Structure formats: C-alpha cells, structure tokens
Amino acid sequence: MMLDMQKRLNKLFYATLSLPSTAMGFALCIQISALSWILSTRFNLQIHEIGIVWAAGPMAGIFGQVVIGLISDDAWFWGGRRRPFILIGGTLAALMVFLLPRIDVVGDFLGIKNILIVAVIVALTLDLSINISFNPTRSIIADVTPEGEARTLGYTWMQTISGFFGVMAYLIGATLGNDLLISVGAGIVFVFSVVPLFFIKEEREMVINTETATETAAATKADWGQLWRIYIAHGFAWLGVQSMFVYTYGFIQQQLVPAGLATKAANDMSGQIIGFAFAIMNTVGFLLPALVLAPLARKIGRVHTQAGCVAIMAAGYFLIATMARTPIMLYALMAVVGIGWSAIVSLPFAIMSDKVDKSRMGFFMGVFNLSVVLPQLMSTGVGFVLKRVPDQSTLYIICGASLAISAALWCLVKDEAPATQAAMPASAH
C-alpha cells in the first residue's frame, strides 16, 4: 500500500527516497578514505599492489552498472524492479565494509595466505555490491516521481543528502579514526539500504508521460560524434580523480608527515589528513552544483561551465604538487580542487542526456559509466609510475595533466543554448 507521504511527495518522502543512494555513496566514501590506508599501514602492501586492489572496482563497475541497470528495467520480484538489487547489494556492501580491516581474518577463513589475493576478493565484492545497487538506487527515484519539477527535486535531495553524509564519513575518519568509521559505516550502509524500501512502493506498470513518449519516439538518433567527445573528456577527468583517491596517501606520508615520527603516530596522522582533505573537497562538491553551477550554466552554458571548473581543478592539482607542504595548505588547495569535483559529479550526465536516444537511456547510461570505470582501471598504471619515482608529488603532476587535457577536450563539445538548459544535479561513479 502506498503511504500518504509518497502520495503527497512531501519532504519526508524525498528524504527517505534519497537514503539508498546515500548508503552506496557512504560505502564508497569509506572505501576511498580507508582502503589504501588500511592496506598500507595494516597489511604492508606496496603502492603498486594497492593499485591492483583498486582495479577490482572498475571491473565490477563494467558489470554492475551496465548489466544490472539494464536487467532491473524489466525485472520484478520481491515486490519491485529496483528493490531486490538494492537489498542484495546494500547487504553485501555493509558486510564488505565491515570486513575491510579484517582481511587477514577472511584469508584465514578461506585458507588463502596471500593478503593481496584476499584484498582483491574483498574489494571486488565490495565494488560489485555498490555497483549492483548504484544504478537501481538512482533509477527508483525516476520510477516513483512524476516527470518535471518533482523528479528534479528528487535528484536534488539525493545529491544533497548523499553529499552531506559523504562529508560526514570523511570527518568521522579524520577525527575519530577509520576503525570507528568502518564500524559505524557498516551499520549506516545496511540500515539506509534496507529500511527505506519498506516505505517506498514501486508500481509494476510504470506510468509514461504521453507527450514525452511522443517526443522520444521522434528523436531516435544519438549524436555519436558529440558523445565520443564527451566520453573521452569525462574519461580523462576520472583518470586524474581516481589516481588522486588511490595514491594521495603516499604523497601525504612523504610530504606532510614529519620524518622520525613513530609508526603508529605517522599512520594516524596520515589517515586524519586524508579524511579532512577529502571532506573539504566533497563539501565544496555538494554545495556548488545547486548554489553556483546551475545559475552559471544558465548564463554561459553547461559545457563552458564544465570546462572552466575542470581547468580550475587542474590548476589546483599543479599547485598541490608544488606548494602543499603543510596540511593547511593541502586543505586550502583541496577546496580549489572541489570546484572541479562539483562539476564532474553534476554536469556531464545532463550534457550527455541531451545527445542520446531517450528511449534507450539505460543503454547510454551504461556506456557513459564506461567513461568512468575504464579510466579508473587505467589508474593502476599510475601506481607503477609512482613506484619508480622518488618524489610522490609526481602524482599531482599526472592528475593535473589529465584534468588539463579533459578541460581542453570539453571545449570541443557542442554546447546548447544557455537559455534552454537546466543543470540538474546528478551523481556519478
């Protein structure tokens, strides 16, 4: 039975609807904040080995978001088309988050002594779980809200709540430690994935707006020339972003942690700096899209806004490489980097969706996701580069170059007239 809050589409319903996507985002933030740190400080993996563990995520993304997203369009069991995948993925994600610092226990249970192999298994299962759920958690918002302003409001709530909890994840890790973050986070991921589904009713037959359906039928040709430019530009951005997420801990340990500090103190300090740095970046990332980018895009266009923000992010990376030698300076420059991050997680989907066949949105969403996960897979190679160079600032030179190329490529994408645009916030991974 549909609850009154869903019928009236009130604030409580939008908040409840946002929680499953928030759960997946929270799990991802825990992974970003803690995985590299745990593998380095607890299990003594080398930087290139950590890159191999992280490569599990993109492989899971290729399957999870593309295949599961398409399957869930036509599936129906356990009372929904999205519900089963959210329940399964959310439960597995919570379990894998809990197991992150217990990789050695998992190895003993499986009878596998090689920590690298066990770490890949845990990371792959976590990423697969997140990717199984990510597409359905976003799709269910479109399924249960009317087209137009109500649906835009649903995605705006999703981004705001998910962004807020993402920042909280980094702050918990920075102030109270990654161990507490993991313990609390496992519970949040499970509760936010499972409980809201008891208050959201999916309709077996989706209601399609007749006018929109007519327009969709008339627009059946995708602009592949423009799409390839978007995919490649977005891919270079994610190559830089993912490399930052995976290898920043090495830069921090070398450049910001004082030499001679006891091992435990050094590990704690590096974990704290990572947490604060990414919290600042993500705070800028979730505040700017609605407050700044949307009105700016209406004036100068989405593509120009995207290119400018990505160029600023590239400059921030270069400045980190040359100037960030104290935590405070890193935090200040991470706020600059957050300007580009705010665009990367909000504008590209809106730009892409204008240039595809609307009747095959699931397919194009899956292909678009490849422009994220394939560069993430390529970032593994950055680890082998960093292994061979003495100065870990090289990481941010690589990231800056990648973002600069992305900004230049965005300038080749055809922009729509600013007056016709509306920069709807969207989430990307």
Protein backbone atom coordinates (compact mmCIF):
# COMPACT_ATOMS: atom_id res chain seq x y z
CA MET A 1 0.00 0.00 0.00
CA MET A 2 1.34 3.42 -0.96
CA LEU A 3 1.91 5.62 2.10
CA ASP A 4 0.50 9.12 2.34
CA MET A 5 3.94 10.72 2.23
CA GLN A 6 4.55 9.13 -1.18
CA LYS A 7 1.17 10.25 -2.49
CA ARG A 8 1.83 13.82 -1.38
CA LEU A 9 5.54 13.77 -2.34
CA ASN A 10 6.43 15.60 0.85
CA LYS A 11 9.91 16.31 2.20
CA LEU A 12 9.95 13.19 4.36
CA PHE A 13 9.32 11.05 1.28
CA TYR A 14 12.12 12.73 -0.70
CA ALA A 15 14.49 12.27 2.23
CA THR A 16 13.52 8.59 2.55
CA LEU A 17 13.89 8.08 -1.20
CA SER A 18 17.41 9.52 -1.05
CA LEU A 19 18.71 7.11 1.60
CA PRO A 20 19.50 4.02 -0.56
CA SER A 21 21.68 6.10 -2.88
CA THR A 22 23.21 7.75 0.19
CA ALA A 23 24.09 4.29 1.53
CA MET A 24 26.04 3.43 -1.60
CA GLY A 25 27.78 6.80 -1.59
CA PHE A 26 28.68 6.34 2.07
CA ALA A 27 30.18 2.92 1.36
CA LEU A 28 32.21 4.42 -1.47
CA CYS A 29 33.48 7.23 0.78
CA ILE A 30 34.57 4.67 3.40
CA GLN A 31 36.45 2.80 0.70
CA ILE A 32 38.16 5.99 -0.53
CA SER A 33 39.03 7.14 2.99
CA ALA A 34 40.19 3.84 4.46
CA LEU A 35 41.11 1.19 1.87
CA SER A 36 44.52 2.46 0.74
CA TRP A 37 45.38 3.47 4.31
CA ILE A 38 44.46 0.04 5.70
CA LEU A 39 46.31 -1.88 3.00
CA SER A 40 49.44 0.21 3.53
CA THR A 41 49.52 0.52 7.33
CA ARG A 42 47.94 -2.77 8.44
CA PHE A 43 48.98 -5.20 5.74
CA ASN A 44 52.13 -3.52 4.36
CA LEU A 45 51.16 -3.67 0.69
CA GLN A 46 53.30 -1.65 -1.72
CA ILE A 47 51.86 1.24 -3.70
CA HIS A 48 51.60 -0.71 -6.98
CA GLU A 49 49.93 -3.63 -5.16
CA ILE A 50 47.31 -1.25 -3.74
CA GLY A 51 46.65 -0.08 -7.28
CA ILE A 52 45.95 -3.69 -8.26
CA VAL A 53 43.41 -3.99 -5.42
CA TRP A 54 41.68 -0.81 -6.54
CA ALA A 55 41.47 -2.12 -10.11
CA ALA A 56 38.76 -4.51 -8.86
CA GLY A 57 36.33 -1.59 -8.67
CA PRO A 58 36.27 -0.64 -12.36
CA MET A 59 35.89 -4.30 -13.35
CA ALA A 60 32.90 -4.56 -11.04
CA GLY A 61 31.51 -1.32 -12.44
CA ILE A 62 31.59 -2.61 -16.01
CA PHE A 63 29.32 -5.48 -14.96
CA GLY A 64 27.32 -3.93 -12.16
CA GLN A 65 26.11 -0.64 -13.52
CA VAL A 66 25.76 -1.67 -17.16
CA VAL A 67 24.26 -5.15 -16.86
CA ILE A 68 22.29 -4.80 -13.62
CA GLY A 69 20.92 -1.44 -14.72
CA LEU A 70 19.52 -2.98 -17.89
CA ILE A 71 18.21 -6.10 -16.12
CA SER A 72 16.39 -4.10 -13.46
CA ASP A 73 14.37 -2.27 -16.13
CA ASP A 74 12.41 -5.46 -16.87
CA ALA A 75 12.72 -7.47 -13.63
CA TRP A 76 10.00 -7.83 -10.98
CA PHE A 77 10.37 -9.86 -7.79
CA TRP A 78 10.26 -9.23 -4.03
CA GLY A 79 7.72 -6.51 -4.73
CA GLY A 80 9.76 -4.33 -7.05
CA ARG A 81 12.08 -3.97 -10.02
CA ARG A 82 14.76 -1.97 -8.16
CA ARG A 83 14.09 -3.23 -4.61
CA PRO A 84 15.77 -6.68 -4.97
CA PHE A 85 19.02 -5.29 -6.30
CA ILE A 86 19.15 -2.58 -3.62
CA LEU A 87 18.51 -5.13 -0.86
CA ILE A 88 21.12 -7.60 -2.12
CA GLY A 89 23.73 -5.01 -2.99
CA GLY A 90 23.23 -2.99 0.21
CA THR A 91 23.51 -6.02 2.48
CA LEU A 92 26.67 -7.27 0.76
CA ALA A 93 28.20 -3.78 0.75
CA ALA A 94 27.63 -3.43 4.51
CA LEU A 95 29.27 -6.81 5.12
CA MET A 96 32.30 -6.00 2.95
CA VAL A 97 32.75 -2.61 4.65
CA PHE A 98 32.81 -4.43 7.98
CA LEU A 99 35.46 -6.84 6.63
CA LEU A 100 37.84 -4.18 5.26
CA PRO A 101 40.10 -4.13 8.34
CA ARG A 102 39.67 -7.88 8.78
CA ILE A 103 41.18 -9.05 5.51
CA ASP A 104 43.57 -11.34 7.40
CA VAL A 105 40.59 -13.00 9.14
CA VAL A 106 38.92 -13.51 5.77
CA GLY A 107 42.14 -15.05 4.47
CA ASP A 108 42.29 -17.48 7.38
CA PHE A 109 38.64 -18.41 6.83
CA LEU A 110 39.20 -19.02 3.11
CA GLY A 111 42.55 -20.72 3.64
CA ILE A 112 44.36 -18.13 1.50
CA LYS A 113 47.67 -16.83 2.87
CA ASN A 114 48.37 -14.24 0.14
CA ILE A 115 46.98 -10.96 1.53
CA LEU A 116 46.96 -9.34 -1.93
CA ILE A 117 44.62 -12.03 -3.28
CA VAL A 118 42.28 -11.74 -0.29
CA ALA A 119 42.28 -7.94 -0.53
CA VAL A 120 41.29 -8.17 -4.20
CA ILE A 121 38.44 -10.56 -3.31
CA VAL A 122 37.08 -8.26 -0.59
CA ALA A 123 37.49 -5.10 -2.69
CA LEU A 124 35.93 -6.76 -5.74
CA THR A 125 32.93 -7.95 -3.72
CA LEU A 126 32.51 -4.51 -2.15
CA ASP A 127 32.67 -2.75 -5.50
CA LEU A 128 30.38 -5.26 -7.13
CA SER A 129 27.87 -4.78 -4.31
CA ILE A 130 28.00 -0.99 -4.66
CA ASN A 131 27.64 -1.19 -8.42
CA ILE A 132 24.75 -3.66 -8.22
CA SER A 133 22.84 -1.10 -6.18
CA PHE A 134 24.00 2.25 -7.52
CA ASN A 135 22.01 2.24 -10.76
CA PRO A 136 18.78 0.95 -9.11
CA THR A 137 19.06 3.48 -6.27
CA ARG A 138 19.11 6.28 -8.82
CA SER A 139 16.54 4.70 -11.13
CA ILE A 140 13.96 4.20 -8.38
CA ILE A 141 13.81 7.98 -7.94
CA ALA A 142 12.71 8.36 -11.56
CA ASP A 143 10.30 5.41 -11.21
CA VAL A 144 8.29 6.83 -8.30
CA THR A 145 8.30 10.58 -9.05
CA PRO A 146 6.39 12.41 -11.81
CA GLU A 147 8.37 13.91 -14.67
CA GLY A 148 9.39 17.53 -14.40
CA GLU A 149 9.99 19.56 -11.26
CA ALA A 150 9.12 16.73 -8.85
CA ARG A 151 11.70 14.42 -10.38
CA THR A 152 14.37 17.13 -10.45
CA LEU A 153 13.59 17.75 -6.79
CA GLY A 154 14.09 14.03 -6.09
CA TYR A 155 17.58 14.06 -7.58
CA THR A 156 18.44 17.34 -5.86
CA TRP A 157 17.51 15.83 -2.49
CA MET A 158 19.54 12.74 -3.38
CA GLN A 159 22.66 14.73 -4.10
CA THR A 160 22.32 16.98 -1.07
CA ILE A 161 21.73 14.20 1.47
CA SER A 162 24.28 11.86 -0.10
CA GLY A 163 26.85 14.66 -0.24
CA PHE A 164 26.24 15.59 3.40
CA PHE A 165 26.73 12.03 4.62
CA GLY A 166 29.79 11.65 2.40
CA VAL A 167 31.40 14.60 4.14
CA MET A 168 30.43 13.12 7.50
CA ALA A 169 32.20 9.89 6.53
CA TYR A 170 35.46 11.70 5.89
CA LEU A 171 35.14 13.78 9.07
CA ILE A 172 34.49 10.69 11.20
CA GLY A 173 37.57 9.03 9.72
CA ALA A 174 39.67 12.14 10.29
CA THR A 175 38.59 12.88 13.88
CA LEU A 176 37.61 9.53 15.39
CA GLY A 177 39.62 7.15 13.21
CA ASN A 178 38.97 4.84 10.30
CA ASP A 179 38.21 1.90 12.55
CA LEU A 180 35.21 3.69 14.07
CA LEU A 181 34.21 4.95 10.60
CA ILE A 182 34.09 1.37 9.34
CA SER A 183 32.11 0.08 12.32
CA VAL A 184 29.55 2.90 12.17
CA GLY A 185 29.55 2.91 8.39
CA ALA A 186 28.66 -0.76 8.04
CA GLY A 187 25.52 -0.14 10.10
CA ILE A 188 24.58 3.01 8.18
CA VAL A 189 25.01 1.29 4.81
CA PHE A 190 22.78 -1.61 5.88
CA VAL A 191 20.03 0.49 7.51
CA PHE A 192 19.90 3.10 4.73
CA SER A 193 19.73 0.37 2.08
CA VAL A 194 17.07 -1.84 3.65
CA VAL A 195 14.74 0.20 5.89
CA PRO A 196 13.60 2.86 3.36
CA LEU A 197 12.34 0.16 0.98
CA PHE A 198 9.54 -0.68 3.46
CA PHE A 199 8.20 2.86 2.96
CA ILE A 200 8.52 3.15 -0.84
CA LYS A 201 6.05 1.46 -3.18
CA GLU A 202 7.06 0.65 -6.74
CA GLU A 203 4.39 0.30 -9.40
CA ARG A 204 4.63 -2.79 -11.57
CA GLU A 205 3.50 -0.80 -14.60
CA MET A 206 5.46 2.42 -14.92
CA VAL A 207 3.45 5.46 -15.95
CA ILE A 208 4.80 7.08 -19.09
CA ASN A 209 4.07 10.69 -19.99
CA THR A 210 2.34 10.60 -23.39
CA GLU A 211 3.83 13.86 -24.61
CA THR A 212 7.33 12.83 -23.61
CA ALA A 213 6.90 9.40 -25.17
CA THR A 214 5.91 11.01 -28.48
CA GLU A 215 8.95 13.25 -28.41
CA THR A 216 11.16 10.26 -27.56
CA ALA A 217 9.85 8.25 -30.48
CA ALA A 218 10.64 11.14 -32.80
CA ALA A 219 14.20 11.51 -31.53
CA THR A 220 15.81 8.15 -32.13
CA LYS A 221 19.25 9.05 -33.33
CA ALA A 222 22.12 9.64 -30.93
CA ASP A 223 24.80 12.20 -31.78
CA TRP A 224 27.72 9.77 -31.60
CA GLY A 225 30.27 12.34 -32.72
CA GLN A 226 29.45 14.52 -29.73
CA LEU A 227 29.07 11.53 -27.41
CA TRP A 228 32.58 10.27 -28.11
CA ARG A 229 33.96 13.72 -27.27
CA ILE A 230 32.01 13.71 -24.01
CA TYR A 231 33.12 10.18 -23.09
CA ILE A 232 36.81 10.90 -23.74
CA ALA A 233 36.76 14.28 -21.96
CA HIS A 234 35.00 12.74 -18.96
CA GLY A 235 37.39 9.79 -19.03
CA PHE A 236 40.50 11.97 -18.71
CA ALA A 237 38.87 13.75 -15.76
CA TRP A 238 38.23 10.46 -13.98
CA LEU A 239 41.76 9.23 -14.65
CA GLY A 240 43.02 12.17 -12.61
CA VAL A 241 40.34 11.90 -9.94
CA GLN A 242 40.73 8.16 -9.34
CA SER A 243 44.50 8.43 -9.21
CA MET A 244 44.12 11.07 -6.51
CA PHE A 245 41.75 8.87 -4.49
CA VAL A 246 44.02 5.83 -4.63
CA TYR A 247 47.51 7.30 -4.21
CA THR A 248 47.14 10.52 -2.18
CA TYR A 249 48.10 8.65 0.99
CA GLY A 250 51.63 8.12 -0.44
CA PHE A 251 52.03 11.83 -1.15
CA ILE A 252 50.82 12.68 2.36
CA GLN A 253 53.14 10.19 4.04
CA GLN A 254 56.14 11.53 2.15
CA GLN A 255 55.44 15.27 2.10
CA LEU A 256 53.27 16.08 5.11
CA VAL A 257 54.06 13.57 7.87
CA PRO A 258 57.17 14.66 9.82
CA ALA A 259 60.19 12.37 9.49
CA GLY A 260 61.07 10.39 12.60
CA LEU A 261 57.51 10.16 13.84
CA ALA A 262 56.62 6.83 15.44
CA THR A 263 54.92 4.42 13.05
CA LYS A 264 51.52 4.43 14.73
CA ALA A 265 51.51 8.21 15.10
CA ALA A 266 52.53 8.62 11.46
CA ASN A 267 49.79 6.25 10.31
CA ASP A 268 47.18 8.02 12.42
CA MET A 269 48.28 11.42 11.16
CA SER A 270 48.18 10.37 7.51
CA GLY A 271 44.70 8.90 7.95
CA GLN A 272 43.50 12.10 9.61
CA ILE A 273 44.89 14.32 6.85
CA ILE A 274 43.25 12.18 4.16
CA GLY A 275 39.91 12.41 5.95
CA PHE A 276 39.98 16.20 6.34
CA ALA A 277 41.26 16.78 2.79
CA PHE A 278 38.52 14.73 1.13
CA ALA A 279 35.87 16.14 3.49
CA ILE A 280 36.75 19.67 2.35
CA MET A 281 36.77 18.67 -1.31
CA ASN A 282 33.38 16.97 -1.01
CA THR A 283 31.83 19.83 0.94
CA VAL A 284 32.59 22.13 -1.97
CA GLY A 285 31.48 19.35 -4.31
CA PHE A 286 27.96 19.01 -2.94
CA LEU A 287 27.30 22.72 -2.18
CA LEU A 288 28.31 24.27 -5.50
CA PRO A 289 26.09 22.47 -8.06
CA ALA A 290 22.78 23.92 -6.87
CA LEU A 291 24.12 27.21 -5.49
CA VAL A 292 26.62 28.20 -8.19
CA LEU A 293 26.85 25.84 -11.16
CA ALA A 294 23.13 25.75 -12.03
CA PRO A 295 22.75 29.56 -12.34
CA LEU A 296 26.15 29.84 -14.05
CA ALA A 297 25.22 27.16 -16.59
CA ARG A 298 22.02 29.03 -17.43
CA LYS A 299 24.15 32.07 -18.31
CA ILE A 300 27.13 30.60 -20.15
CA GLY A 301 26.07 27.01 -20.88
CA ARG A 302 26.77 23.66 -19.25
CA VAL A 303 29.78 22.77 -21.38
CA HIS A 304 31.56 26.07 -20.78
CA THR A 305 30.86 25.76 -17.07
CA GLN A 306 32.19 22.20 -17.06
CA ALA A 307 35.36 23.11 -18.97
CA GLY A 308 36.10 26.07 -16.70
CA CYS A 309 35.62 24.10 -13.48
CA VAL A 310 37.79 21.22 -14.70
CA ALA A 311 40.52 23.70 -15.69
CA ILE A 312 40.42 25.14 -12.15
CA MET A 313 40.74 21.61 -10.76
CA ALA A 314 43.82 21.04 -12.95
CA ALA A 315 45.38 24.23 -11.61
CA GLY A 316 44.62 23.07 -8.05
CA TYR A 317 46.43 19.80 -8.70
CA PHE A 318 49.52 21.55 -10.05
CA LEU A 319 49.57 23.85 -7.01
CA ILE A 320 49.34 20.85 -4.66
CA ALA A 321 52.33 19.30 -6.42
CA THR A 322 54.45 22.43 -5.95
CA MET A 323 53.10 24.13 -2.81
CA ALA A 324 51.25 21.70 -0.50
CA ARG A 325 53.87 21.01 2.15
CA THR A 326 51.66 21.52 5.20
CA PRO A 327 48.22 20.06 5.98
CA ILE A 328 46.65 23.54 6.00
CA MET A 329 47.93 24.30 2.50
CA LEU A 330 46.67 20.92 1.27
CA TYR A 331 43.22 21.63 2.75
CA ALA A 332 43.07 25.06 1.10
CA LEU A 333 44.01 23.65 -2.29
CA MET A 334 41.57 20.74 -1.89
CA ALA A 335 38.83 23.38 -1.70
CA VAL A 336 40.03 24.61 -5.11
CA VAL A 337 40.03 21.04 -6.42
CA GLY A 338 36.46 20.73 -5.10
CA ILE A 339 35.29 23.27 -7.69
CA GLY A 340 36.11 20.84 -10.47
CA TRP A 341 34.76 17.90 -8.48
CA SER A 342 31.41 19.70 -8.09
CA ALA A 343 31.11 19.90 -11.88
CA ILE A 344 32.30 16.35 -12.56
CA VAL A 345 29.56 14.86 -10.33
CA SER A 346 26.75 17.09 -11.61
CA LEU A 347 27.06 18.39 -15.17
CA PRO A 348 28.27 15.60 -17.52
CA PHE A 349 25.12 13.46 -17.19
CA ALA A 350 22.90 16.43 -18.04
CA ILE A 351 25.10 17.26 -21.05
CA MET A 352 25.15 13.65 -22.24
CA SER A 353 21.42 13.10 -21.85
CA ASP A 354 20.65 15.86 -24.38
CA LYS A 355 22.51 13.98 -27.12
CA VAL A 356 21.11 10.43 -26.88
CA ASP A 357 18.08 8.43 -27.89
CA LYS A 358 15.80 8.89 -24.85
CA SER A 359 14.14 5.51 -25.43
CA ARG A 360 17.50 3.77 -24.79
CA MET A 361 18.59 5.76 -21.76
CA GLY A 362 19.56 2.62 -19.82
CA PHE A 363 21.97 1.60 -22.56
CA PHE A 364 23.52 5.04 -22.84
CA MET A 365 23.80 5.37 -19.06
CA GLY A 366 25.76 2.11 -19.09
CA VAL A 367 28.06 3.26 -21.89
CA PHE A 368 28.54 6.59 -20.12
CA ASN A 369 29.60 4.72 -17.00
CA LEU A 370 32.40 3.11 -19.02
CA SER A 371 33.95 6.59 -19.34
CA VAL A 372 34.30 6.44 -15.56
CA VAL A 373 35.31 2.84 -14.85
CA LEU A 374 37.79 2.32 -17.70
CA PRO A 375 39.92 5.33 -16.65
CA GLN A 376 39.73 4.03 -13.08
CA LEU A 377 41.19 0.77 -14.35
CA MET A 378 43.92 2.67 -16.19
CA SER A 379 44.87 4.48 -12.97
CA THR A 380 46.51 1.22 -11.88
CA GLY A 381 49.38 2.16 -14.18
CA VAL A 382 49.94 5.35 -12.22
CA GLY A 383 50.90 3.20 -9.24
CA PHE A 384 53.71 1.57 -11.19
CA VAL A 385 54.95 5.04 -12.23
CA LEU A 386 54.91 6.27 -8.63
CA LYS A 387 56.80 3.17 -7.52
CA ARG A 388 59.69 4.20 -9.77
CA VAL A 389 59.94 7.90 -8.90
CA PRO A 390 61.39 9.27 -5.65
CA ASP A 391 59.06 12.28 -5.37
CA GLN A 392 55.40 11.39 -4.79
CA SER A 393 54.41 14.92 -5.88
CA THR A 394 54.57 13.38 -9.34
CA LEU A 395 51.07 12.06 -8.60
CA TYR A 396 49.58 15.54 -8.74
CA ILE A 397 51.53 16.44 -11.87
CA ILE A 398 49.93 13.42 -13.56
CA CYS A 399 46.49 14.32 -12.17
CA GLY A 400 46.84 17.95 -13.24
CA ALA A 401 47.88 16.99 -16.76
CA SER A 402 44.93 14.60 -17.05
CA LEU A 403 42.45 17.26 -15.91
CA ALA A 404 44.00 19.87 -18.22
CA ILE A 405 43.51 17.53 -21.19
CA SER A 406 39.91 16.95 -20.07
CA ALA A 407 39.24 20.70 -19.93
CA ALA A 408 40.63 21.16 -23.44
CA LEU A 409 38.53 18.28 -24.80
CA TRP A 410 35.35 19.67 -23.21
CA CYS A 411 35.88 22.78 -25.33
CA LEU A 412 35.29 20.59 -28.41
CA VAL A 413 31.82 19.55 -27.24
CA LYS A 414 28.91 21.42 -28.79
CA ASP A 415 27.07 23.50 -26.23
CA GLU A 416 23.33 24.02 -26.21
CA ALA A 417 21.87 27.49 -25.91
CA PRO A 418 22.19 28.51 -22.24
CA ALA A 419 18.60 29.72 -22.11
CA THR A 420 17.32 26.23 -22.84
CA GLN A 421 19.42 24.48 -20.24
CA ALA A 422 18.76 23.40 -16.69
CA ALA A 423 21.70 21.97 -14.79
CA MET A 424 20.05 19.12 -12.92
CA PRO A 425 22.32 17.69 -10.24
CA ALA A 426 23.32 14.11 -10.89
CA SER A 427 25.58 11.62 -9.23
CA ALA A 428 28.44 9.80 -10.91
CA HIS A 429 30.77 6.83 -10.14
